[in-house]
Amino acid sequence: MPIYTFVCPECGNQDETVRTMADADQPYKCAKCGTLTRRDYRADRPNVVGTEKGETFWSESLAINPEQAAEHRRLFPDVKIDAEGRLGFDSVKQRSDYCTATGFEKRSQRKQII
């Protein structure tokens, strides 16, 4: 059975639980405060981009050294940076424009057959 992630809107606690696919969206109580939580689709499927309108998605592959953050903010003020140096985008177009401006080329991953 798959593992699903739920985030509490009250305390921010994140819980993972094993459920059948049929029960994936059923309510789940927060382990810390007992509030009904909502499913975090991005955590369940980390490769899904922009699951809800207006949400920032964070790129592990385009991360920068945190020491470069000030210069990066000067050059790309609309691109967010977290404490770990991951870049945050508000849309696929924003990420695409960023990649074009910086010379990054997005390539699909290749599976190695053993």
Protein backbone atom coordinates (compact mmCIF):
# COMPACT_ATOMS: atom_id res chain seq x y z
CA MET A 1 0.00 0.00 0.00
CA PRO A 2 1.19 3.54 -0.71
CA ILE A 3 2.36 6.04 1.89
CA TYR A 4 0.48 9.35 1.93
CA THR A 5 1.54 12.61 3.56
CA PHE A 6 -0.85 14.87 5.47
CA VAL A 7 -0.16 18.41 6.75
CA CYS A 8 -1.97 19.95 9.70
CA PRO A 9 -3.37 23.44 9.00
CA GLU A 10 -3.22 24.32 12.73
CA CYS A 11 0.25 23.27 13.93
CA GLY A 12 2.02 22.49 10.62
CA ASN A 13 2.82 18.93 11.67
CA GLN A 14 3.46 16.58 8.77
CA ASP A 15 2.40 12.93 9.14
CA GLU A 16 2.84 9.97 6.82
CA THR A 17 0.39 7.10 6.82
CA VAL A 18 -0.05 3.88 4.87
CA ARG A 19 -3.47 3.62 3.21
CA THR A 20 -5.21 1.92 0.36
CA MET A 21 -5.58 4.06 -2.74
CA ALA A 22 -9.35 4.08 -2.20
CA ASP A 23 -8.85 5.72 1.22
CA ALA A 24 -6.09 8.13 0.14
CA ASP A 25 -8.19 11.29 0.51
CA GLN A 26 -10.14 10.31 3.62
CA PRO A 27 -9.71 12.69 6.61
CA TYR A 28 -6.73 12.12 8.88
CA LYS A 29 -6.27 13.49 12.41
CA CYS A 30 -3.02 15.21 13.29
CA ALA A 31 -0.93 13.13 15.68
CA LYS A 32 0.07 16.27 17.65
CA CYS A 33 -3.13 18.30 18.02
CA GLY A 34 -5.98 16.14 16.67
CA THR A 35 -7.06 18.61 13.97
CA LEU A 36 -8.25 17.17 10.67
CA THR A 37 -5.40 17.52 8.18
CA ARG A 38 -5.21 17.84 4.42
CA ARG A 39 -3.26 15.61 2.06
CA ASP A 40 0.00 17.08 0.74
CA TYR A 41 0.04 15.95 -2.89
CA ARG A 42 3.48 17.43 -3.57
CA ALA A 43 5.03 15.34 -0.81
CA ASP A 44 3.31 12.21 -2.13
CA ARG A 45 4.56 12.85 -5.64
CA PRO A 46 7.67 15.05 -5.44
CA ASN A 47 7.95 15.33 -9.23
CA VAL A 48 4.54 17.01 -9.56
CA VAL A 49 4.99 20.68 -10.31
CA GLY A 50 2.54 23.40 -9.28
CA THR A 51 -0.20 21.18 -7.86
CA GLU A 52 -2.30 24.12 -6.74
CA LYS A 53 -2.50 27.55 -8.32
CA GLY A 54 -0.24 30.05 -6.61
CA GLU A 55 1.90 27.50 -4.76
CA THR A 56 5.68 27.72 -4.93
CA PHE A 57 7.51 24.58 -5.98
CA TRP A 58 11.13 24.08 -4.96
CA SER A 59 13.85 22.73 -7.22
CA GLU A 60 16.50 20.44 -5.77
CA SER A 61 18.32 20.21 -9.12
CA LEU A 62 18.72 23.99 -9.54
CA ALA A 63 19.96 24.65 -6.00
CA ILE A 64 22.75 27.15 -5.46
CA ASN A 65 25.31 27.66 -2.73
CA PRO A 66 23.61 29.74 0.01
CA GLU A 67 26.63 32.08 -0.06
CA GLN A 68 25.56 33.10 -3.59
CA ALA A 69 22.02 34.05 -2.51
CA ALA A 70 22.56 37.83 -2.38
CA GLU A 71 23.96 37.97 -5.92
CA HIS A 72 21.26 35.62 -7.16
CA ARG A 73 18.51 37.78 -5.63
CA ARG A 74 20.00 40.81 -7.37
CA LEU A 75 19.99 39.07 -10.77
CA PHE A 76 16.69 37.17 -10.36
CA PRO A 77 14.53 39.01 -7.79
CA ASP A 78 11.38 37.06 -8.71
CA VAL A 79 12.95 33.63 -7.98
CA LYS A 80 12.73 32.59 -4.32
CA ILE A 81 15.63 30.99 -2.42
CA ASP A 82 15.28 29.00 0.80
CA ALA A 83 17.91 28.62 3.55
CA GLU A 84 19.33 25.49 1.88
CA GLY A 85 19.80 27.22 -1.47
CA ARG A 86 16.86 25.59 -3.26
CA LEU A 87 15.18 27.80 -5.82
CA GLY A 88 11.42 28.37 -5.67
CA PHE A 89 9.25 28.98 -8.71
CA ASP A 90 5.63 30.06 -8.98
CA SER A 91 5.08 28.55 -12.43
CA VAL A 92 6.60 26.22 -14.98
CA LYS A 93 7.06 29.22 -17.29
CA GLN A 94 9.06 31.05 -14.62
CA ARG A 95 11.35 28.03 -14.23
CA SER A 96 11.68 27.69 -18.01
CA ASP A 97 12.55 31.39 -18.38
CA TYR A 98 15.09 31.06 -15.55
CA CYS A 99 16.73 28.05 -17.22
CA THR A 100 16.95 29.91 -20.53
CA ALA A 101 18.45 33.01 -18.88
CA THR A 102 21.06 31.00 -16.98
CA GLY A 103 21.90 28.54 -19.77
CA PHE A 104 20.59 25.44 -18.00
CA GLU A 105 19.21 22.75 -20.27
CA LYS A 106 16.46 20.54 -18.92
CA ARG A 107 16.93 16.91 -19.93
CA SER A 108 14.78 13.95 -19.06
CA GLN A 109 16.31 11.34 -16.80
CA ARG A 110 17.50 8.15 -18.39
CA LYS A 111 16.89 4.84 -16.69
CA GLN A 112 19.86 2.54 -16.48
CA ILE A 113 19.03 -1.01 -17.49
CA ILE A 114 21.02 -3.57 -15.56
